[in-house]
Amino acid sequence: MFAIRQNLQAVHERISAAASAAGRPPESVRLLAVSKTFDAAAVRMAYEAGQIAFGENYLQEALEKQALLQDLPLEWHFIGPLQSNKTRPAAEHFAWVHTVDRLKIAERLSAQRPSDLPPLNICLQVNISGEASKSGIAPADLPALAAAVAGLPQLRLRGLMAIPAPAPEAAPEVRRAPFAQMRALFEQLRAEYGAQPAFAAFDTLSMGMSDDLEDAVAQGANLVRIGSAIFGKRHYPA
């Protein structure tokens, strides 16, 4: 518990320093704790240290944790690749899905979102670095997808998400270039569609992880997804 509390404090200090350096208030950047591969006890410890929003990549693992933690008022975000046959549990058990990159997925989430729940918050994942190994829509195809998703019932289009290719040894301007491109796409969509009611909640730029949150915040990220810097090194099953 003490380590998680200390780690959360250190991450908040990093976010605050990065935001201040960018001329932004620290509270303009929201922290999403990525709890994949860590058990329900670790999530509970983070909650007791003040963290509310948690991101999960694997549906079955997430559902098991949610069942064990249903006594807590947590906000669950799905941030992993989402296949068509897995949309129902995502629609039923999460407040956010960050990884929509096809209209078919969005349509299924909309149709399967229970009517007694608030609309599902959606981010569109952009493959900003053009990596073949990563999910995400190409930047050129983003405006058409955004317009289509914004019109679906039971969904609320909130913004964009990206996982730029890591470049830890690169110069700062090279590291920050994909984040700057994401900010430009975000602002382009707000300029083009922002007056439409369906885009009224379009306010989220989800980018930045444990190793690059400073670069992401410098370029406008207002939601950062942090895992190992909070929970420690992950141990994946063989």
C-alpha atoms as a PDB file:
ATOM      1  CA  MET A   1       0.000   0.000   0.000  1.00  0.00           C
ATOM      2  CA  PHE A   2       2.730   2.448   0.958  1.00  0.00           C
ATOM      3  CA  ALA A   3       4.571   1.907  -2.343  1.00  0.00           C
ATOM      4  CA  ILE A   4       1.433   2.479  -4.436  1.00  0.00           C
ATOM      5  CA  ARG A   5       0.556   5.608  -2.458  1.00  0.00           C
ATOM      6  CA  GLN A   6       4.108   6.927  -2.881  1.00  0.00           C
ATOM      7  CA  ASN A   7       4.124   6.074  -6.575  1.00  0.00           C
ATOM      8  CA  LEU A   8       0.807   7.816  -7.150  1.00  0.00           C
ATOM      9  CA  GLN A   9       2.128  10.919  -5.424  1.00  0.00           C
ATOM     10  CA  ALA A  10       5.272  10.837  -7.594  1.00  0.00           C
ATOM     11  CA  VAL A  11       3.192  10.500 -10.768  1.00  0.00           C
ATOM     12  CA  HIS A  12       0.968  13.420  -9.756  1.00  0.00           C
ATOM     13  CA  GLU A  13       4.107  15.472  -9.151  1.00  0.00           C
ATOM     14  CA  ARG A  14       5.377  14.605 -12.630  1.00  0.00           C
ATOM     15  CA  ILE A  15       2.038  15.569 -14.170  1.00  0.00           C
ATOM     16  CA  SER A  16       1.959  18.832 -12.225  1.00  0.00           C
ATOM     17  CA  ALA A  17       5.504  19.746 -13.285  1.00  0.00           C
ATOM     18  CA  ALA A  18       4.822  18.882 -16.942  1.00  0.00           C
ATOM     19  CA  ALA A  19       1.601  20.871 -16.989  1.00  0.00           C
ATOM     20  CA  SER A  20       3.221  23.881 -15.344  1.00  0.00           C
ATOM     21  CA  ALA A  21       6.085  23.769 -17.854  1.00  0.00           C
ATOM     22  CA  ALA A  22       3.480  23.855 -20.636  1.00  0.00           C
ATOM     23  CA  GLY A  23       1.678  26.804 -19.056  1.00  0.00           C
ATOM     24  CA  ARG A  24      -1.310  24.716 -18.029  1.00  0.00           C
ATOM     25  CA  PRO A  25      -2.960  24.148 -14.638  1.00  0.00           C
ATOM     26  CA  PRO A  26      -2.075  20.714 -13.212  1.00  0.00           C
ATOM     27  CA  GLU A  27      -5.761  19.871 -12.816  1.00  0.00           C
ATOM     28  CA  SER A  28      -6.172  20.067 -16.602  1.00  0.00           C
ATOM     29  CA  VAL A  29      -4.487  16.639 -16.902  1.00  0.00           C
ATOM     30  CA  ARG A  30      -6.385  13.611 -15.655  1.00  0.00           C
ATOM     31  CA  LEU A  31      -4.674  10.416 -14.496  1.00  0.00           C
ATOM     32  CA  LEU A  32      -5.889   7.000 -15.621  1.00  0.00           C
ATOM     33  CA  ALA A  33      -4.212   4.218 -13.625  1.00  0.00           C
ATOM     34  CA  VAL A  34      -3.579   1.222 -15.891  1.00  0.00           C
ATOM     35  CA  SER A  35      -4.138  -1.822 -13.719  1.00  0.00           C
ATOM     36  CA  LYS A  36      -3.834  -4.610 -16.277  1.00  0.00           C
ATOM     37  CA  THR A  37      -2.043  -7.720 -14.902  1.00  0.00           C
ATOM     38  CA  PHE A  38      -2.335  -6.365 -11.337  1.00  0.00           C
ATOM     39  CA  ASP A  39      -4.869  -7.909  -9.001  1.00  0.00           C
ATOM     40  CA  ALA A  40      -7.931  -6.446  -7.324  1.00  0.00           C
ATOM     41  CA  ALA A  41      -5.991  -5.863  -4.109  1.00  0.00           C
ATOM     42  CA  ALA A  42      -3.609  -3.495  -5.927  1.00  0.00           C
ATOM     43  CA  VAL A  43      -6.554  -1.596  -7.406  1.00  0.00           C
ATOM     44  CA  ARG A  44      -8.125  -1.316  -3.963  1.00  0.00           C
ATOM     45  CA  MET A  45      -4.851   0.062  -2.583  1.00  0.00           C
ATOM     46  CA  ALA A  46      -4.734   2.674  -5.332  1.00  0.00           C
ATOM     47  CA  TYR A  47      -8.341   3.635  -4.626  1.00  0.00           C
ATOM     48  CA  GLU A  48      -7.541   4.035  -0.943  1.00  0.00           C
ATOM     49  CA  ALA A  49      -4.718   6.360  -2.005  1.00  0.00           C
ATOM     50  CA  GLY A  50      -7.204   8.512  -3.921  1.00  0.00           C
ATOM     51  CA  GLN A  51      -7.332   7.040  -7.440  1.00  0.00           C
ATOM     52  CA  ILE A  52     -10.785   6.533  -9.012  1.00  0.00           C
ATOM     53  CA  ALA A  53     -10.281   5.853 -12.747  1.00  0.00           C
ATOM     54  CA  PHE A  54      -8.665   2.591 -13.879  1.00  0.00           C
ATOM     55  CA  GLY A  55      -7.770   1.280 -17.339  1.00  0.00           C
ATOM     56  CA  GLU A  56      -7.863  -2.378 -18.348  1.00  0.00           C
ATOM     57  CA  ASN A  57      -6.697  -4.135 -21.527  1.00  0.00           C
ATOM     58  CA  TYR A  58      -8.088  -7.648 -21.105  1.00  0.00           C
ATOM     59  CA  LEU A  59     -11.829  -8.116 -20.769  1.00  0.00           C
ATOM     60  CA  GLN A  60     -11.962 -11.312 -18.734  1.00  0.00           C
ATOM     61  CA  GLU A  61      -9.342 -10.086 -16.284  1.00  0.00           C
ATOM     62  CA  ALA A  62     -11.179  -6.789 -15.935  1.00  0.00           C
ATOM     63  CA  LEU A  63     -14.569  -8.404 -15.336  1.00  0.00           C
ATOM     64  CA  GLU A  64     -13.120 -10.570 -12.577  1.00  0.00           C
ATOM     65  CA  LYS A  65     -11.638  -7.507 -10.868  1.00  0.00           C
ATOM     66  CA  GLN A  66     -14.837  -5.536 -11.242  1.00  0.00           C
ATOM     67  CA  ALA A  67     -16.771  -8.313  -9.491  1.00  0.00           C
ATOM     68  CA  LEU A  68     -14.344  -8.209  -6.569  1.00  0.00           C
ATOM     69  CA  LEU A  69     -14.412  -4.416  -6.349  1.00  0.00           C
ATOM     70  CA  GLN A  70     -18.086  -3.665  -6.888  1.00  0.00           C
ATOM     71  CA  ASP A  71     -18.269  -2.073  -3.435  1.00  0.00           C
ATOM     72  CA  LEU A  72     -16.059   0.782  -4.690  1.00  0.00           C
ATOM     73  CA  PRO A  73     -17.220   3.726  -6.858  1.00  0.00           C
ATOM     74  CA  LEU A  74     -14.607   3.123  -9.568  1.00  0.00           C
ATOM     75  CA  GLU A  75     -14.619   4.394 -13.141  1.00  0.00           C
ATOM     76  CA  TRP A  76     -13.516   1.678 -15.572  1.00  0.00           C
ATOM     77  CA  HIS A  77     -11.918   2.417 -18.940  1.00  0.00           C
ATOM     78  CA  PHE A  78     -11.287  -0.256 -21.566  1.00  0.00           C
ATOM     79  CA  ILE A  79      -8.008   0.565 -23.331  1.00  0.00           C
ATOM     80  CA  GLY A  80      -7.121  -2.677 -25.140  1.00  0.00           C
ATOM     81  CA  PRO A  81      -7.822  -3.890 -28.682  1.00  0.00           C
ATOM     82  CA  LEU A  82     -11.512  -4.713 -29.059  1.00  0.00           C
ATOM     83  CA  GLN A  83     -12.800  -7.440 -31.373  1.00  0.00           C
ATOM     84  CA  SER A  84     -16.375  -7.607 -32.618  1.00  0.00           C
ATOM     85  CA  ASN A  85     -17.206 -10.653 -30.508  1.00  0.00           C
ATOM     86  CA  LYS A  86     -16.098  -8.881 -27.315  1.00  0.00           C
ATOM     87  CA  THR A  87     -18.057  -5.644 -27.641  1.00  0.00           C
ATOM     88  CA  ARG A  88     -20.998  -6.666 -25.433  1.00  0.00           C
ATOM     89  CA  PRO A  89     -19.079  -6.966 -22.132  1.00  0.00           C
ATOM     90  CA  ALA A  90     -17.260  -3.726 -22.938  1.00  0.00           C
ATOM     91  CA  ALA A  91     -20.578  -1.979 -23.580  1.00  0.00           C
ATOM     92  CA  GLU A  92     -22.134  -3.371 -20.420  1.00  0.00           C
ATOM     93  CA  HIS A  93     -19.322  -3.009 -17.884  1.00  0.00           C
ATOM     94  CA  PHE A  94     -17.210   0.039 -18.756  1.00  0.00           C
ATOM     95  CA  ALA A  95     -17.729   3.794 -18.619  1.00  0.00           C
ATOM     96  CA  TRP A  96     -15.177   4.464 -21.391  1.00  0.00           C
ATOM     97  CA  VAL A  97     -13.734   2.654 -24.408  1.00  0.00           C
ATOM     98  CA  HIS A  98     -10.561   4.258 -25.800  1.00  0.00           C
ATOM     99  CA  THR A  99      -9.839   1.937 -28.711  1.00  0.00           C
ATOM    100  CA  VAL A 100     -12.559   2.384 -31.336  1.00  0.00           C
ATOM    101  CA  ASP A 101     -11.029   2.427 -34.802  1.00  0.00           C
ATOM    102  CA  ARG A 102     -13.839   0.978 -36.946  1.00  0.00           C
ATOM    103  CA  LEU A 103     -17.448   2.012 -37.421  1.00  0.00           C
ATOM    104  CA  LYS A 104     -18.569  -1.615 -36.990  1.00  0.00           C
ATOM    105  CA  ILE A 105     -17.152  -1.696 -33.466  1.00  0.00           C
ATOM    106  CA  ALA A 106     -18.834   1.595 -32.583  1.00  0.00           C
ATOM    107  CA  GLU A 107     -22.171   0.420 -33.971  1.00  0.00           C
ATOM    108  CA  ARG A 108     -22.021  -2.753 -31.891  1.00  0.00           C
ATOM    109  CA  LEU A 109     -21.117  -0.838 -28.735  1.00  0.00           C
ATOM    110  CA  SER A 110     -24.026   1.519 -29.340  1.00  0.00           C
ATOM    111  CA  ALA A 111     -26.509  -1.286 -29.928  1.00  0.00           C
ATOM    112  CA  GLN A 112     -25.288  -3.272 -26.905  1.00  0.00           C
ATOM    113  CA  ARG A 113     -25.059  -0.411 -24.389  1.00  0.00           C
ATOM    114  CA  PRO A 114     -27.839  -0.993 -21.798  1.00  0.00           C
ATOM    115  CA  SER A 115     -30.482   1.720 -21.934  1.00  0.00           C
ATOM    116  CA  ASP A 116     -30.400   2.177 -18.165  1.00  0.00           C
ATOM    117  CA  LEU A 117     -26.737   3.236 -18.259  1.00  0.00           C
ATOM    118  CA  PRO A 118     -25.372   6.636 -19.328  1.00  0.00           C
ATOM    119  CA  PRO A 119     -24.005   6.816 -22.873  1.00  0.00           C
ATOM    120  CA  LEU A 120     -20.663   5.038 -23.283  1.00  0.00           C
ATOM    121  CA  ASN A 121     -17.771   7.492 -23.563  1.00  0.00           C
ATOM    122  CA  ILE A 122     -15.736   6.805 -26.719  1.00  0.00           C
ATOM    123  CA  CYS A 123     -12.243   7.765 -27.857  1.00  0.00           C
ATOM    124  CA  LEU A 124     -11.115   7.025 -31.393  1.00  0.00           C
ATOM    125  CA  GLN A 125      -7.722   5.345 -31.567  1.00  0.00           C
ATOM    126  CA  VAL A 126      -5.370   6.822 -34.158  1.00  0.00           C
ATOM    127  CA  ASN A 127      -2.340   4.926 -35.439  1.00  0.00           C
ATOM    128  CA  ILE A 128      -0.309   8.107 -35.472  1.00  0.00           C
ATOM    129  CA  SER A 129       3.062   6.402 -36.094  1.00  0.00           C
ATOM    130  CA  GLY A 130       1.746   4.142 -38.871  1.00  0.00           C
ATOM    131  CA  GLU A 131       2.922   0.962 -37.144  1.00  0.00           C
ATOM    132  CA  ALA A 132       1.673  -2.255 -38.715  1.00  0.00           C
ATOM    133  CA  SER A 133       1.658  -3.954 -35.319  1.00  0.00           C
ATOM    134  CA  LYS A 134      -0.705  -1.423 -33.734  1.00  0.00           C
ATOM    135  CA  SER A 135      -4.420  -0.859 -33.968  1.00  0.00           C
ATOM    136  CA  GLY A 136      -5.857   2.508 -34.899  1.00  0.00           C
ATOM    137  CA  ILE A 137      -7.316   4.387 -37.796  1.00  0.00           C
ATOM    138  CA  ALA A 138      -5.123   6.282 -40.255  1.00  0.00           C
ATOM    139  CA  PRO A 139      -5.213  10.052 -39.695  1.00  0.00           C
ATOM    140  CA  ALA A 140      -6.646  10.659 -43.174  1.00  0.00           C
ATOM    141  CA  ASP A 141      -9.662   8.472 -42.377  1.00  0.00           C
ATOM    142  CA  LEU A 142     -10.350  10.010 -38.976  1.00  0.00           C
ATOM    143  CA  PRO A 143     -12.829  12.805 -39.859  1.00  0.00           C
ATOM    144  CA  ALA A 144     -15.293  10.455 -41.553  1.00  0.00           C
ATOM    145  CA  LEU A 145     -15.179   7.984 -38.673  1.00  0.00           C
ATOM    146  CA  ALA A 146     -15.592  10.741 -36.087  1.00  0.00           C
ATOM    147  CA  ALA A 147     -18.654  12.138 -37.838  1.00  0.00           C
ATOM    148  CA  ALA A 148     -20.239   8.694 -38.057  1.00  0.00           C
ATOM    149  CA  VAL A 149     -19.528   7.695 -34.447  1.00  0.00           C
ATOM    150  CA  ALA A 150     -20.736  11.024 -33.072  1.00  0.00           C
ATOM    151  CA  GLY A 151     -24.175  10.329 -34.506  1.00  0.00           C
ATOM    152  CA  LEU A 152     -24.681   6.946 -32.857  1.00  0.00           C
ATOM    153  CA  PRO A 153     -27.142   6.650 -29.956  1.00  0.00           C
ATOM    154  CA  GLN A 154     -25.932   5.390 -26.573  1.00  0.00           C
ATOM    155  CA  LEU A 155     -22.410   6.671 -27.328  1.00  0.00           C
ATOM    156  CA  ARG A 156     -20.746   9.961 -26.430  1.00  0.00           C
ATOM    157  CA  LEU A 157     -17.726  10.831 -28.567  1.00  0.00           C
ATOM    158  CA  ARG A 158     -15.173  12.229 -26.111  1.00  0.00           C
ATOM    159  CA  GLY A 159     -11.927  12.477 -28.075  1.00  0.00           C
ATOM    160  CA  LEU A 160      -8.866  10.768 -29.491  1.00  0.00           C
ATOM    161  CA  MET A 161      -6.341   8.245 -28.198  1.00  0.00           C
ATOM    162  CA  ALA A 162      -2.910   7.232 -29.473  1.00  0.00           C
ATOM    163  CA  ILE A 163       0.118   5.137 -28.558  1.00  0.00           C
ATOM    164  CA  PRO A 164       3.021   6.679 -30.498  1.00  0.00           C
ATOM    165  CA  ALA A 165       6.035   4.513 -31.266  1.00  0.00           C
ATOM    166  CA  PRO A 166       8.532   4.792 -28.392  1.00  0.00           C
ATOM    167  CA  ALA A 167      11.643   6.842 -29.120  1.00  0.00           C
ATOM    168  CA  PRO A 168      13.454   7.245 -25.783  1.00  0.00           C
ATOM    169  CA  GLU A 169      16.834   8.050 -27.332  1.00  0.00           C
ATOM    170  CA  ALA A 170      15.527  10.570 -29.857  1.00  0.00           C
ATOM    171  CA  ALA A 171      15.835  14.325 -29.589  1.00  0.00           C
ATOM    172  CA  PRO A 172      12.943  16.056 -27.795  1.00  0.00           C
ATOM    173  CA  GLU A 173      11.469  17.475 -30.991  1.00  0.00           C
ATOM    174  CA  VAL A 174      11.440  13.997 -32.569  1.00  0.00           C
ATOM    175  CA  ARG A 175       9.863  12.378 -29.498  1.00  0.00           C
ATOM    176  CA  ARG A 176       7.178  15.020 -29.338  1.00  0.00           C
ATOM    177  CA  ALA A 177       6.323  15.102 -33.051  1.00  0.00           C
ATOM    178  CA  PRO A 178       3.616  12.381 -32.983  1.00  0.00           C
ATOM    179  CA  PHE A 179       2.017  13.963 -29.921  1.00  0.00           C
ATOM    180  CA  ALA A 180       1.973  17.291 -31.741  1.00  0.00           C
ATOM    181  CA  GLN A 181       0.353  15.588 -34.739  1.00  0.00           C
ATOM    182  CA  MET A 182      -2.336  14.164 -32.458  1.00  0.00           C
ATOM    183  CA  ARG A 183      -3.026  17.586 -31.015  1.00  0.00           C
ATOM    184  CA  ALA A 184      -3.374  18.997 -34.521  1.00  0.00           C
ATOM    185  CA  LEU A 185      -5.871  16.271 -35.452  1.00  0.00           C
ATOM    186  CA  PHE A 186      -7.820  16.925 -32.251  1.00  0.00           C
ATOM    187  CA  GLU A 187      -7.981  20.658 -32.882  1.00  0.00           C
ATOM    188  CA  GLN A 188      -8.881  20.106 -36.546  1.00  0.00           C
ATOM    189  CA  LEU A 189     -11.893  17.999 -35.575  1.00  0.00           C
ATOM    190  CA  ARG A 190     -13.011  20.526 -32.974  1.00  0.00           C
ATOM    191  CA  ALA A 191     -12.726  23.321 -35.517  1.00  0.00           C
ATOM    192  CA  GLU A 192     -14.660  21.374 -38.161  1.00  0.00           C
ATOM    193  CA  TYR A 193     -17.367  19.795 -36.052  1.00  0.00           C
ATOM    194  CA  GLY A 194     -17.274  21.555 -32.681  1.00  0.00           C
ATOM    195  CA  ALA A 195     -20.469  23.533 -33.297  1.00  0.00           C
ATOM    196  CA  GLN A 196     -22.493  20.353 -33.781  1.00  0.00           C
ATOM    197  CA  PRO A 197     -24.380  19.077 -30.712  1.00  0.00           C
ATOM    198  CA  ALA A 198     -23.019  15.555 -31.247  1.00  0.00           C
ATOM    199  CA  PHE A 199     -19.507  16.930 -30.611  1.00  0.00           C
ATOM    200  CA  ALA A 200     -20.425  18.870 -27.474  1.00  0.00           C
ATOM    201  CA  ALA A 201     -18.448  16.482 -25.245  1.00  0.00           C
ATOM    202  CA  PHE A 202     -15.414  16.193 -27.528  1.00  0.00           C
ATOM    203  CA  ASP A 203     -12.819  17.225 -24.955  1.00  0.00           C
ATOM    204  CA  THR A 204     -10.304  14.402 -24.394  1.00  0.00           C
ATOM    205  CA  LEU A 205      -6.837  13.829 -25.810  1.00  0.00           C
ATOM    206  CA  SER A 206      -5.712  10.499 -24.319  1.00  0.00           C
ATOM    207  CA  MET A 207      -1.974   9.993 -24.805  1.00  0.00           C
ATOM    208  CA  GLY A 208       1.126   9.551 -22.724  1.00  0.00           C
ATOM    209  CA  MET A 209       2.285   6.642 -20.561  1.00  0.00           C
ATOM    210  CA  SER A 210       4.841   6.054 -17.807  1.00  0.00           C
ATOM    211  CA  ASP A 211       7.894   6.741 -19.997  1.00  0.00           C
ATOM    212  CA  ASP A 212       6.601   9.658 -22.057  1.00  0.00           C
ATOM    213  CA  LEU A 213       3.944  11.504 -20.101  1.00  0.00           C
ATOM    214  CA  GLU A 214       6.003  14.723 -20.063  1.00  0.00           C
ATOM    215  CA  ASP A 215       6.217  14.804 -23.866  1.00  0.00           C
ATOM    216  CA  ALA A 216       2.485  14.075 -24.153  1.00  0.00           C
ATOM    217  CA  VAL A 217       1.468  16.780 -21.682  1.00  0.00           C
ATOM    218  CA  ALA A 218       3.760  19.266 -23.397  1.00  0.00           C
ATOM    219  CA  GLN A 219       1.755  18.714 -26.575  1.00  0.00           C
ATOM    220  CA  GLY A 220      -1.709  18.928 -25.064  1.00  0.00           C
ATOM    221  CA  ALA A 221      -2.611  15.561 -23.537  1.00  0.00           C
ATOM    222  CA  ASN A 222      -5.325  15.948 -20.917  1.00  0.00           C
ATOM    223  CA  LEU A 223      -5.594  12.267 -19.974  1.00  0.00           C
ATOM    224  CA  VAL A 224      -2.478  10.153 -19.385  1.00  0.00           C
ATOM    225  CA  ARG A 225      -2.534   6.370 -18.996  1.00  0.00           C
ATOM    226  CA  ILE A 226       0.008   5.320 -16.359  1.00  0.00           C
ATOM    227  CA  GLY A 227       0.628   1.748 -15.210  1.00  0.00           C
ATOM    228  CA  SER A 228       4.131   0.637 -14.237  1.00  0.00           C
ATOM    229  CA  ALA A 229       5.031   3.972 -12.614  1.00  0.00           C
ATOM    230  CA  ILE A 230       2.149   3.339 -10.190  1.00  0.00           C
ATOM    231  CA  PHE A 231       1.977  -0.423  -9.740  1.00  0.00           C
ATOM    232  CA  GLY A 232       5.522  -1.516 -10.590  1.00  0.00           C
ATOM    233  CA  LYS A 233       6.907  -3.846 -13.212  1.00  0.00           C
ATOM    234  CA  ARG A 234       4.375  -6.105 -14.884  1.00  0.00           C
ATOM    235  CA  HIS A 235       4.754  -9.870 -14.949  1.00  0.00           C
ATOM    236  CA  TYR A 236       2.899 -11.349 -17.887  1.00  0.00           C
ATOM    237  CA  PRO A 237       1.812 -14.996 -17.782  1.00  0.00           C
ATOM    238  CA  ALA A 238       3.833 -17.285 -20.058  1.00  0.00           C
END
